[in-house]
């Protein structure tokens, strides 16, 4: 049986391996961020698709051909809009992840340069003595 202490620990920091969420962000915070208004088009499109499917099936059961055809055309339109929204959100998330990765690499380079400058000045001071 695992203790709660082990479950609360964060994932190990492995060089070259990026986690899906920033360090210090819990899974619930990550989930709430994903469900914010920027991604609202996907659940709305999915819901509208489901409503049009149900409307189409009920029209089919009641033998209302014209309503059924309209519902299925709406379904195709809503599905297409949802797929476009998925692509836009995925593209935006990829760009955001790349920007964070570039920023992290830049910070690491600056940190290493500062460390090298400190070592260089210590070396110069020790040689001057």
N, C-alpha and C. Protein backbone atom coordinates (compact mmCIF):
# COMPACT_ATOMS: atom_id res chain seq x y z
N UNK A 1 0.84 -1.18 0.00
CA UNK A 1 0.00 0.00 0.00
C UNK A 1 0.88 1.24 0.00
N UNK A 2 0.60 2.18 -0.89
CA UNK A 2 1.41 3.39 -0.97
C UNK A 2 0.87 4.43 -0.01
N UNK A 3 1.76 5.22 0.51
CA UNK A 3 1.34 6.28 1.42
C UNK A 3 1.00 7.54 0.63
N UNK A 4 0.27 8.44 1.28
CA UNK A 4 -0.08 9.70 0.64
C UNK A 4 1.15 10.56 0.38
N UNK A 5 2.19 10.36 1.16
CA UNK A 5 3.42 11.13 0.98
C UNK A 5 4.01 10.87 -0.40
N UNK A 6 4.01 9.62 -0.84
CA UNK A 6 4.55 9.29 -2.15
C UNK A 6 3.68 9.82 -3.28
N UNK A 7 2.37 9.87 -3.05
CA UNK A 7 1.46 10.33 -4.10
C UNK A 7 1.55 11.83 -4.32
N UNK A 8 1.93 12.58 -3.30
CA UNK A 8 1.97 14.03 -3.43
C UNK A 8 3.26 14.53 -4.06
N UNK A 9 4.24 13.67 -4.24
CA UNK A 9 5.50 14.09 -4.83
C UNK A 9 5.32 14.38 -6.31
N UNK A 10 6.09 15.36 -6.80
CA UNK A 10 5.99 15.70 -8.21
C UNK A 10 6.83 14.72 -9.04
N UNK A 11 6.61 14.77 -10.34
CA UNK A 11 7.34 13.88 -11.24
C UNK A 11 8.82 14.25 -11.25
N UNK A 12 9.69 13.29 -11.51
CA UNK A 12 11.12 13.60 -11.55
C UNK A 12 11.45 14.51 -12.73
N UNK A 13 12.47 15.34 -12.55
CA UNK A 13 12.90 16.26 -13.60
C UNK A 13 13.95 15.55 -14.45
N UNK A 14 13.57 15.14 -15.65
CA UNK A 14 14.46 14.42 -16.55
C UNK A 14 14.82 15.34 -17.70
N UNK A 15 16.09 15.52 -17.94
CA UNK A 15 16.54 16.42 -18.99
C UNK A 15 16.08 15.92 -20.35
N UNK A 16 15.51 16.80 -21.15
CA UNK A 16 15.04 16.45 -22.48
C UNK A 16 13.62 15.92 -22.50
N UNK A 17 13.01 15.76 -21.32
CA UNK A 17 11.64 15.25 -21.24
C UNK A 17 10.75 16.34 -20.69
N UNK A 18 9.72 16.73 -21.46
CA UNK A 18 8.83 17.79 -21.03
C UNK A 18 7.53 17.17 -20.53
N UNK A 19 7.06 17.65 -19.40
CA UNK A 19 5.78 17.20 -18.89
C UNK A 19 4.67 17.98 -19.58
N UNK A 20 3.45 17.49 -19.48
CA UNK A 20 2.34 18.13 -20.17
C UNK A 20 1.86 19.38 -19.45
N UNK A 21 2.23 19.55 -18.20
CA UNK A 21 1.84 20.77 -17.48
C UNK A 21 3.04 21.36 -16.78
N UNK A 22 3.03 22.67 -16.54
CA UNK A 22 4.16 23.32 -15.89
C UNK A 22 4.38 22.79 -14.48
N UNK A 23 5.60 22.89 -14.01
CA UNK A 23 5.95 22.44 -12.67
C UNK A 23 5.15 23.24 -11.65
N UNK A 24 4.61 22.58 -10.65
CA UNK A 24 3.87 23.25 -9.59
C UNK A 24 2.40 23.44 -9.89
N UNK A 25 1.91 22.95 -11.03
CA UNK A 25 0.50 23.07 -11.37
C UNK A 25 -0.14 21.71 -11.14
N UNK A 26 -1.19 21.68 -10.33
CA UNK A 26 -1.84 20.41 -10.03
C UNK A 26 -2.70 19.97 -11.21
N UNK A 27 -3.11 18.72 -11.18
CA UNK A 27 -3.94 18.18 -12.25
C UNK A 27 -5.28 18.90 -12.32
N UNK A 28 -5.85 19.25 -11.16
CA UNK A 28 -7.13 19.95 -11.16
C UNK A 28 -7.00 21.36 -11.74
N UNK A 29 -5.89 22.05 -11.44
CA UNK A 29 -5.67 23.37 -12.02
C UNK A 29 -5.51 23.26 -13.53
N UNK A 30 -4.80 22.22 -13.98
CA UNK A 30 -4.61 22.00 -15.41
C UNK A 30 -5.94 21.73 -16.09
N UNK A 31 -6.80 20.91 -15.44
CA UNK A 31 -8.11 20.59 -16.00
C UNK A 31 -8.98 21.84 -16.08
N UNK A 32 -8.96 22.65 -15.01
CA UNK A 32 -9.78 23.87 -15.03
C UNK A 32 -9.30 24.84 -16.10
N UNK A 33 -7.99 24.89 -16.34
CA UNK A 33 -7.46 25.76 -17.38
C UNK A 33 -7.91 25.28 -18.76
N UNK A 34 -7.93 23.96 -18.96
CA UNK A 34 -8.34 23.42 -20.25
C UNK A 34 -9.82 23.69 -20.52
N UNK A 35 -10.64 23.78 -19.47
CA UNK A 35 -12.07 23.97 -19.65
C UNK A 35 -12.49 25.43 -19.69
N UNK A 36 -11.53 26.33 -19.71
CA UNK A 36 -11.85 27.76 -19.75
C UNK A 36 -12.50 28.12 -21.08
N UNK A 37 -12.91 29.37 -21.22
CA UNK A 37 -13.68 29.81 -22.38
C UNK A 37 -12.94 29.71 -23.70
N UNK A 38 -11.60 29.63 -23.69
CA UNK A 38 -10.90 29.56 -24.96
C UNK A 38 -11.19 28.25 -25.70
N UNK A 39 -11.61 27.22 -24.98
CA UNK A 39 -11.91 25.93 -25.61
C UNK A 39 -13.41 25.65 -25.62
N UNK A 40 -14.23 26.66 -25.42
CA UNK A 40 -15.67 26.45 -25.29
C UNK A 40 -16.31 26.01 -26.61
N UNK A 41 -15.68 26.30 -27.74
CA UNK A 41 -16.26 25.94 -29.04
C UNK A 41 -16.36 24.42 -29.21
N UNK A 42 -15.45 23.67 -28.61
CA UNK A 42 -15.45 22.21 -28.78
C UNK A 42 -16.66 21.57 -28.08
N UNK A 43 -16.90 21.85 -26.79
CA UNK A 43 -18.09 21.25 -26.17
C UNK A 43 -19.39 21.76 -26.79
N UNK A 44 -19.43 23.03 -27.19
CA UNK A 44 -20.64 23.54 -27.82
C UNK A 44 -20.88 22.83 -29.14
N UNK A 45 -19.85 22.67 -29.96
CA UNK A 45 -19.99 21.98 -31.24
C UNK A 45 -20.39 20.52 -31.06
N UNK A 46 -19.81 19.88 -30.05
CA UNK A 46 -20.16 18.48 -29.77
C UNK A 46 -21.61 18.38 -29.33
N UNK A 47 -22.04 19.30 -28.47
CA UNK A 47 -23.43 19.29 -28.02
C UNK A 47 -24.40 19.53 -29.15
N UNK A 48 -24.10 20.52 -30.01
CA UNK A 48 -24.97 20.78 -31.15
C UNK A 48 -25.03 19.60 -32.11
N UNK A 49 -23.90 18.92 -32.28
CA UNK A 49 -23.89 17.72 -33.12
C UNK A 49 -24.80 16.65 -32.54
N UNK A 50 -24.71 16.45 -31.23
CA UNK A 50 -25.55 15.44 -30.59
C UNK A 50 -27.04 15.80 -30.69
N UNK A 51 -27.36 17.08 -30.50
CA UNK A 51 -28.76 17.52 -30.61
C UNK A 51 -29.27 17.27 -32.02
N UNK A 52 -28.47 17.58 -33.03
CA UNK A 52 -28.93 17.36 -34.41
C UNK A 52 -29.08 15.87 -34.72
N UNK A 53 -28.22 15.03 -34.14
CA UNK A 53 -28.36 13.58 -34.35
C UNK A 53 -29.65 13.08 -33.72
N UNK A 54 -29.91 13.50 -32.49
CA UNK A 54 -31.15 13.08 -31.81
C UNK A 54 -32.36 13.57 -32.58
N UNK A 55 -32.32 14.82 -33.04
CA UNK A 55 -33.43 15.36 -33.83
C UNK A 55 -33.60 14.56 -35.13
N UNK A 56 -32.48 14.20 -35.76
CA UNK A 56 -32.55 13.41 -36.99
C UNK A 56 -33.13 12.03 -36.77
N UNK A 57 -32.72 11.38 -35.66
CA UNK A 57 -33.23 10.04 -35.36
C UNK A 57 -34.72 10.07 -35.00
N UNK A 58 -35.13 11.09 -34.24
CA UNK A 58 -36.56 11.18 -33.92
C UNK A 58 -37.37 11.49 -35.18
N UNK A 59 -36.83 12.30 -36.07
CA UNK A 59 -37.52 12.58 -37.33
C UNK A 59 -37.62 11.32 -38.18
N UNK A 60 -36.55 10.50 -38.13
CA UNK A 60 -36.56 9.25 -38.88
C UNK A 60 -37.61 8.30 -38.29
N UNK A 61 -37.71 8.25 -36.96
CA UNK A 61 -38.68 7.37 -36.32
C UNK A 61 -40.11 7.81 -36.62
N UNK A 62 -40.33 9.10 -36.75
CA UNK A 62 -41.66 9.62 -37.05
C UNK A 62 -41.92 9.71 -38.55
N UNK A 63 -40.95 9.27 -39.36
CA UNK A 63 -41.07 9.25 -40.82
C UNK A 63 -41.25 10.66 -41.39
N UNK A 64 -40.45 11.60 -40.88
CA UNK A 64 -40.48 12.98 -41.36
C UNK A 64 -39.21 13.22 -42.16
N UNK A 65 -39.23 12.84 -43.44
CA UNK A 65 -38.05 12.84 -44.29
C UNK A 65 -37.36 14.19 -44.44
N UNK A 66 -38.14 15.26 -44.59
CA UNK A 66 -37.55 16.57 -44.80
C UNK A 66 -36.81 17.05 -43.56
N UNK A 67 -37.39 16.85 -42.39
CA UNK A 67 -36.73 17.24 -41.13
C UNK A 67 -35.49 16.39 -40.88
N UNK A 68 -35.59 15.12 -41.25
CA UNK A 68 -34.46 14.21 -41.07
C UNK A 68 -33.27 14.67 -41.91
N UNK A 69 -33.52 15.01 -43.16
CA UNK A 69 -32.45 15.45 -44.05
C UNK A 69 -31.83 16.76 -43.54
N UNK A 70 -32.68 17.67 -43.07
CA UNK A 70 -32.16 18.93 -42.52
C UNK A 70 -31.30 18.67 -41.30
N UNK A 71 -31.74 17.79 -40.43
CA UNK A 71 -30.99 17.49 -39.21
C UNK A 71 -29.63 16.87 -39.55
N UNK A 72 -29.60 15.99 -40.52
CA UNK A 72 -28.34 15.35 -40.88
C UNK A 72 -27.39 16.34 -41.57
N UNK A 73 -27.94 17.29 -42.32
CA UNK A 73 -27.08 18.33 -42.90
C UNK A 73 -26.50 19.22 -41.79
N UNK A 74 -27.33 19.55 -40.83
CA UNK A 74 -26.85 20.32 -39.68
C UNK A 74 -25.76 19.55 -38.92
N UNK A 75 -25.98 18.25 -38.78
CA UNK A 75 -24.99 17.42 -38.09
C UNK A 75 -23.64 17.50 -38.78
N UNK A 76 -23.64 17.41 -40.10
CA UNK A 76 -22.38 17.49 -40.85
C UNK A 76 -21.73 18.85 -40.65
N UNK A 77 -22.53 19.91 -40.67
CA UNK A 77 -21.99 21.25 -40.46
C UNK A 77 -21.41 21.43 -39.06
N UNK A 78 -22.15 20.96 -38.05
CA UNK A 78 -21.67 21.07 -36.68
C UNK A 78 -20.41 20.23 -36.46
N UNK A 79 -20.39 19.04 -37.06
CA UNK A 79 -19.19 18.20 -36.94
C UNK A 79 -17.98 18.88 -37.58
N UNK A 80 -18.19 19.47 -38.74
CA UNK A 80 -17.10 20.17 -39.41
C UNK A 80 -16.58 21.34 -38.58
N UNK A 81 -17.51 22.11 -38.00
CA UNK A 81 -17.11 23.23 -37.16
C UNK A 81 -16.35 22.75 -35.93
N UNK A 82 -16.77 21.63 -35.36
CA UNK A 82 -16.09 21.07 -34.19
C UNK A 82 -14.69 20.61 -34.54
N UNK A 83 -14.54 19.98 -35.69
CA UNK A 83 -13.20 19.53 -36.12
C UNK A 83 -12.28 20.73 -36.35
N UNK A 84 -12.82 21.78 -36.96
CA UNK A 84 -12.02 23.00 -37.16
C UNK A 84 -11.61 23.58 -35.81
N UNK A 85 -12.53 23.61 -34.85
CA UNK A 85 -12.22 24.13 -33.51
C UNK A 85 -11.14 23.28 -32.84
N UNK A 86 -11.22 21.96 -33.00
CA UNK A 86 -10.20 21.07 -32.45
C UNK A 86 -8.83 21.37 -33.04
N UNK A 87 -8.79 21.57 -34.33
CA UNK A 87 -7.51 21.85 -35.00
C UNK A 87 -6.95 23.19 -34.52
N UNK A 88 -7.81 24.20 -34.41
CA UNK A 88 -7.36 25.52 -33.96
C UNK A 88 -6.83 25.44 -32.54
N UNK A 89 -7.54 24.75 -31.65
CA UNK A 89 -7.10 24.62 -30.26
C UNK A 89 -5.79 23.83 -30.18
N UNK A 90 -5.69 22.75 -30.95
CA UNK A 90 -4.46 21.95 -30.93
C UNK A 90 -3.28 22.77 -31.47
N UNK A 91 -3.51 23.54 -32.52
CA UNK A 91 -2.45 24.38 -33.07
C UNK A 91 -2.02 25.43 -32.06
N UNK A 92 -2.99 26.05 -31.39
CA UNK A 92 -2.67 27.04 -30.37
C UNK A 92 -1.91 26.45 -29.21
N UNK A 93 -2.31 25.25 -28.77
CA UNK A 93 -1.62 24.60 -27.66
C UNK A 93 -0.20 24.23 -28.05
N UNK A 94 -0.01 23.80 -29.30
CA UNK A 94 1.33 23.44 -29.77
C UNK A 94 2.22 24.68 -29.80
N UNK A 95 1.69 25.79 -30.31
CA UNK A 95 2.47 27.03 -30.35
C UNK A 95 2.80 27.52 -28.95
N UNK A 96 1.84 27.40 -28.03
CA UNK A 96 2.08 27.82 -26.65
C UNK A 96 3.16 26.95 -26.00
N UNK A 97 3.10 25.66 -26.26
CA UNK A 97 4.10 24.74 -25.70
C UNK A 97 5.49 25.04 -26.28
N UNK A 98 5.55 25.33 -27.58
CA UNK A 98 6.83 25.68 -28.20
C UNK A 98 7.38 26.97 -27.62
N UNK A 99 6.51 27.95 -27.39
CA UNK A 99 6.96 29.23 -26.82
C UNK A 99 7.50 29.02 -25.41
N UNK A 100 6.80 28.20 -24.60
CA UNK A 100 7.30 27.91 -23.24
C UNK A 100 8.63 27.18 -23.30
N UNK A 101 8.76 26.26 -24.26
CA UNK A 101 10.00 25.50 -24.39
C UNK A 101 11.16 26.43 -24.78
N UNK A 102 10.90 27.33 -25.72
CA UNK A 102 11.93 28.29 -26.14
C UNK A 102 12.33 29.20 -24.98
N UNK A 103 11.34 29.66 -24.22
CA UNK A 103 11.63 30.52 -23.07
C UNK A 103 12.45 29.77 -22.02
N UNK A 104 12.12 28.51 -21.80
CA UNK A 104 12.87 27.71 -20.82
C UNK A 104 14.31 27.51 -21.29
N UNK A 105 14.50 27.25 -22.59
CA UNK A 105 15.86 27.08 -23.11
C UNK A 105 16.65 28.38 -23.00
N UNK A 106 15.99 29.50 -23.27
CA UNK A 106 16.65 30.80 -23.16
C UNK A 106 17.06 31.08 -21.71
N UNK A 107 16.17 30.79 -20.78
CA UNK A 107 16.50 30.98 -19.36
C UNK A 107 17.67 30.10 -18.96
N UNK A 108 17.66 28.86 -19.42
CA UNK A 108 18.75 27.93 -19.08
C UNK A 108 20.07 28.42 -19.68
N UNK A 109 20.04 28.93 -20.90
CA UNK A 109 21.25 29.46 -21.52
C UNK A 109 21.78 30.68 -20.75
N UNK A 110 20.86 31.56 -20.37
CA UNK A 110 21.27 32.73 -19.59
C UNK A 110 21.85 32.32 -18.24
N UNK A 111 21.24 31.32 -17.60
CA UNK A 111 21.75 30.83 -16.32
C UNK A 111 23.15 30.25 -16.47
N UNK A 112 23.35 29.47 -17.51
CA UNK A 112 24.67 28.87 -17.76
C UNK A 112 25.71 29.93 -18.09
N UNK A 113 25.32 30.94 -18.87
CA UNK A 113 26.24 32.03 -19.19
C UNK A 113 26.64 32.81 -17.94
N UNK A 114 25.67 33.06 -17.06
CA UNK A 114 25.97 33.76 -15.82
C UNK A 114 26.90 32.92 -14.94
N UNK A 115 26.65 31.63 -14.87
CA UNK A 115 27.51 30.72 -14.10
C UNK A 115 28.92 30.69 -14.68
N UNK A 116 29.03 30.67 -15.98
CA UNK A 116 30.34 30.67 -16.63
C UNK A 116 31.07 31.98 -16.37
N UNK A 117 30.35 33.08 -16.37
CA UNK A 117 30.98 34.38 -16.09
C UNK A 117 31.51 34.43 -14.66
N UNK A 118 30.74 33.88 -13.72
CA UNK A 118 31.20 33.84 -12.32
C UNK A 118 32.45 32.98 -12.20
N UNK A 119 32.43 31.83 -12.83
CA UNK A 119 33.61 30.95 -12.78
C UNK A 119 34.81 31.62 -13.43
N UNK A 120 34.57 32.33 -14.53
CA UNK A 120 35.65 33.02 -15.23
C UNK A 120 36.26 34.11 -14.36
N UNK A 121 35.40 34.87 -13.67
CA UNK A 121 35.92 35.94 -12.81
C UNK A 121 36.66 35.36 -11.61
N UNK A 122 36.19 34.24 -11.07
CA UNK A 122 36.91 33.59 -9.96
C UNK A 122 38.27 33.08 -10.41
N UNK A 123 38.31 32.52 -11.60
CA UNK A 123 39.56 32.02 -12.15
C UNK A 123 40.54 33.18 -12.38
N UNK A 124 40.04 34.28 -12.94
CA UNK A 124 40.89 35.45 -13.17
C UNK A 124 41.40 36.02 -11.86
N UNK A 125 40.54 36.03 -10.82
CA UNK A 125 40.96 36.54 -9.51
C UNK A 125 42.02 35.62 -8.88
N UNK A 126 41.85 34.32 -9.04
CA UNK A 126 42.82 33.39 -8.46
C UNK A 126 44.15 33.44 -9.20
N UNK A 127 44.12 33.72 -10.50
CA UNK A 127 45.35 33.82 -11.28
C UNK A 127 46.08 35.13 -10.97
N UNK A 128 45.31 36.18 -10.64
CA UNK A 128 45.91 37.47 -10.35
C UNK A 128 46.63 37.46 -9.00
N UNK A 129 46.23 36.57 -8.12
CA UNK A 129 46.86 36.49 -6.79
C UNK A 129 48.17 35.86 -6.90
